[in-house]
Amino acid sequence: AAAEEKPAAPAQPQRRFLLFTTRTCPNCATIKAFLAEQGTEYELILAEEHRELSRNLGIMQAPTAVIVEGNKATKYVGVSKIKNYVLSHNQ
């Protein structure tokens, strides 16, 4: 018997985890180690090399995580807020 074709599931908006850091940020190493420990995938963005993107997203300090889902972006500033976000979404 031929395999039945199933209708494609509606595409879920893909979640992107952007981590804005700087080369001199001491807390950035802390959060990167934590994310590695948690197995969290993220895109590392050096704020000084992506000034326009940083400005557009209102990035004022590092580390800042920006979670992009569809056309919505949510910011988490600082190690503790980023950790809380990751821990609440890794269940």
C-alpha atoms as a PDB file:
ATOM      1  CA  ALA A   1       0.000   0.000   0.000  1.00  0.00           C
ATOM      2  CA  ALA A   2       1.196   3.475  -0.795  1.00  0.00           C
ATOM      3  CA  ALA A   3       2.074   5.660   2.170  1.00  0.00           C
ATOM      4  CA  GLU A   4      -0.569   8.265   2.848  1.00  0.00           C
ATOM      5  CA  GLU A   5       0.545  11.833   2.506  1.00  0.00           C
ATOM      6  CA  LYS A   6      -0.085  13.815   5.629  1.00  0.00           C
ATOM      7  CA  PRO A   7      -0.894  17.513   5.375  1.00  0.00           C
ATOM      8  CA  ALA A   8       2.053  19.627   6.469  1.00  0.00           C
ATOM      9  CA  ALA A   9       1.805  20.903  10.014  1.00  0.00           C
ATOM     10  CA  PRO A  10       1.630  24.684  10.258  1.00  0.00           C
ATOM     11  CA  ALA A  11       5.125  26.088  10.623  1.00  0.00           C
ATOM     12  CA  GLN A  12       5.960  27.090  14.153  1.00  0.00           C
ATOM     13  CA  PRO A  13       7.747  30.418  14.401  1.00  0.00           C
ATOM     14  CA  GLN A  14      11.348  29.513  14.937  1.00  0.00           C
ATOM     15  CA  ARG A  15      12.854  30.793  18.164  1.00  0.00           C
ATOM     16  CA  ARG A  16      16.239  32.456  17.863  1.00  0.00           C
ATOM     17  CA  PHE A  17      18.368  33.108  20.921  1.00  0.00           C
ATOM     18  CA  LEU A  18      20.714  36.021  20.272  1.00  0.00           C
ATOM     19  CA  LEU A  19      23.371  36.713  22.885  1.00  0.00           C
ATOM     20  CA  PHE A  20      24.909  40.172  22.704  1.00  0.00           C
ATOM     21  CA  THR A  21      28.331  40.404  24.309  1.00  0.00           C
ATOM     22  CA  THR A  22      31.451  42.527  24.151  1.00  0.00           C
ATOM     23  CA  ARG A  23      35.077  41.473  24.170  1.00  0.00           C
ATOM     24  CA  THR A  24      35.696  43.096  27.561  1.00  0.00           C
ATOM     25  CA  CYS A  25      32.546  41.956  29.374  1.00  0.00           C
ATOM     26  CA  PRO A  26      33.443  39.867  32.459  1.00  0.00           C
ATOM     27  CA  ASN A  27      29.876  38.545  32.922  1.00  0.00           C
ATOM     28  CA  CYS A  28      29.697  37.342  29.316  1.00  0.00           C
ATOM     29  CA  ALA A  29      32.093  34.455  30.020  1.00  0.00           C
ATOM     30  CA  THR A  30      29.890  33.485  32.976  1.00  0.00           C
ATOM     31  CA  ILE A  31      26.702  33.362  30.919  1.00  0.00           C
ATOM     32  CA  LYS A  32      28.384  31.553  27.999  1.00  0.00           C
ATOM     33  CA  ALA A  33      29.616  28.838  30.400  1.00  0.00           C
ATOM     34  CA  PHE A  34      26.114  28.568  31.895  1.00  0.00           C
ATOM     35  CA  LEU A  35      24.489  28.271  28.442  1.00  0.00           C
ATOM     36  CA  ALA A  36      26.985  25.554  27.473  1.00  0.00           C
ATOM     37  CA  GLU A  37      26.203  23.710  30.743  1.00  0.00           C
ATOM     38  CA  GLN A  38      22.471  23.892  29.952  1.00  0.00           C
ATOM     39  CA  GLY A  39      22.957  22.784  26.350  1.00  0.00           C
ATOM     40  CA  THR A  40      21.280  25.985  25.156  1.00  0.00           C
ATOM     41  CA  GLU A  41      21.956  26.901  21.545  1.00  0.00           C
ATOM     42  CA  TYR A  42      22.459  30.585  20.864  1.00  0.00           C
ATOM     43  CA  GLU A  43      23.853  32.972  18.306  1.00  0.00           C
ATOM     44  CA  LEU A  44      26.744  34.989  19.667  1.00  0.00           C
ATOM     45  CA  ILE A  45      26.753  38.608  18.547  1.00  0.00           C
ATOM     46  CA  LEU A  46      29.585  40.972  19.395  1.00  0.00           C
ATOM     47  CA  ALA A  47      27.801  44.266  20.015  1.00  0.00           C
ATOM     48  CA  GLU A  48      30.746  46.389  18.885  1.00  0.00           C
ATOM     49  CA  GLU A  49      30.857  44.597  15.525  1.00  0.00           C
ATOM     50  CA  HIS A  50      27.092  44.843  15.005  1.00  0.00           C
ATOM     51  CA  ARG A  51      26.430  48.391  16.170  1.00  0.00           C
ATOM     52  CA  GLU A  52      23.394  48.976  13.952  1.00  0.00           C
ATOM     53  CA  LEU A  53      21.641  45.781  15.059  1.00  0.00           C
ATOM     54  CA  SER A  54      22.510  46.554  18.692  1.00  0.00           C
ATOM     55  CA  ARG A  55      21.151  50.078  18.329  1.00  0.00           C
ATOM     56  CA  ASN A  56      17.966  48.852  16.590  1.00  0.00           C
ATOM     57  CA  LEU A  57      17.293  46.408  19.429  1.00  0.00           C
ATOM     58  CA  GLY A  58      18.193  48.941  22.125  1.00  0.00           C
ATOM     59  CA  ILE A  59      21.103  46.928  23.520  1.00  0.00           C
ATOM     60  CA  MET A  60      22.682  49.062  26.253  1.00  0.00           C
ATOM     61  CA  GLN A  61      24.759  46.554  28.189  1.00  0.00           C
ATOM     62  CA  ALA A  62      26.282  43.116  27.927  1.00  0.00           C
ATOM     63  CA  PRO A  63      25.338  40.393  28.295  1.00  0.00           C
ATOM     64  CA  THR A  64      21.877  40.845  26.826  1.00  0.00           C
ATOM     65  CA  ALA A  65      19.857  37.984  25.391  1.00  0.00           C
ATOM     66  CA  VAL A  66      17.251  38.731  22.762  1.00  0.00           C
ATOM     67  CA  ILE A  67      14.735  35.976  22.102  1.00  0.00           C
ATOM     68  CA  VAL A  68      13.147  36.362  18.677  1.00  0.00           C
ATOM     69  CA  GLU A  69       9.936  34.438  17.974  1.00  0.00           C
ATOM     70  CA  GLY A  70       8.211  35.314  14.733  1.00  0.00           C
ATOM     71  CA  ASN A  71       8.193  39.115  14.700  1.00  0.00           C
ATOM     72  CA  LYS A  72       8.372  39.483  18.479  1.00  0.00           C
ATOM     73  CA  ALA A  73      11.645  40.145  20.327  1.00  0.00           C
ATOM     74  CA  THR A  74      12.035  39.917  24.097  1.00  0.00           C
ATOM     75  CA  LYS A  75      15.130  41.192  25.920  1.00  0.00           C
ATOM     76  CA  TYR A  76      16.764  39.758  29.018  1.00  0.00           C
ATOM     77  CA  VAL A  77      19.530  41.962  30.412  1.00  0.00           C
ATOM     78  CA  GLY A  78      22.206  40.637  32.754  1.00  0.00           C
ATOM     79  CA  VAL A  79      23.324  37.212  33.919  1.00  0.00           C
ATOM     80  CA  SER A  80      20.529  36.550  36.427  1.00  0.00           C
ATOM     81  CA  LYS A  81      17.679  37.457  34.043  1.00  0.00           C
ATOM     82  CA  ILE A  82      19.202  35.361  31.242  1.00  0.00           C
ATOM     83  CA  LYS A  83      19.687  32.408  33.635  1.00  0.00           C
ATOM     84  CA  ASN A  84      16.083  32.698  34.846  1.00  0.00           C
ATOM     85  CA  TYR A  85      14.813  32.707  31.254  1.00  0.00           C
ATOM     86  CA  VAL A  86      16.869  29.630  30.310  1.00  0.00           C
ATOM     87  CA  LEU A  87      15.921  27.703  33.448  1.00  0.00           C
ATOM     88  CA  SER A  88      12.220  28.438  32.952  1.00  0.00           C
ATOM     89  CA  HIS A  89      12.353  27.267  29.304  1.00  0.00           C
ATOM     90  CA  ASN A  90      14.513  24.146  29.754  1.00  0.00           C
ATOM     91  CA  GLN A  91      11.885  22.008  31.439  1.00  0.00           C
END
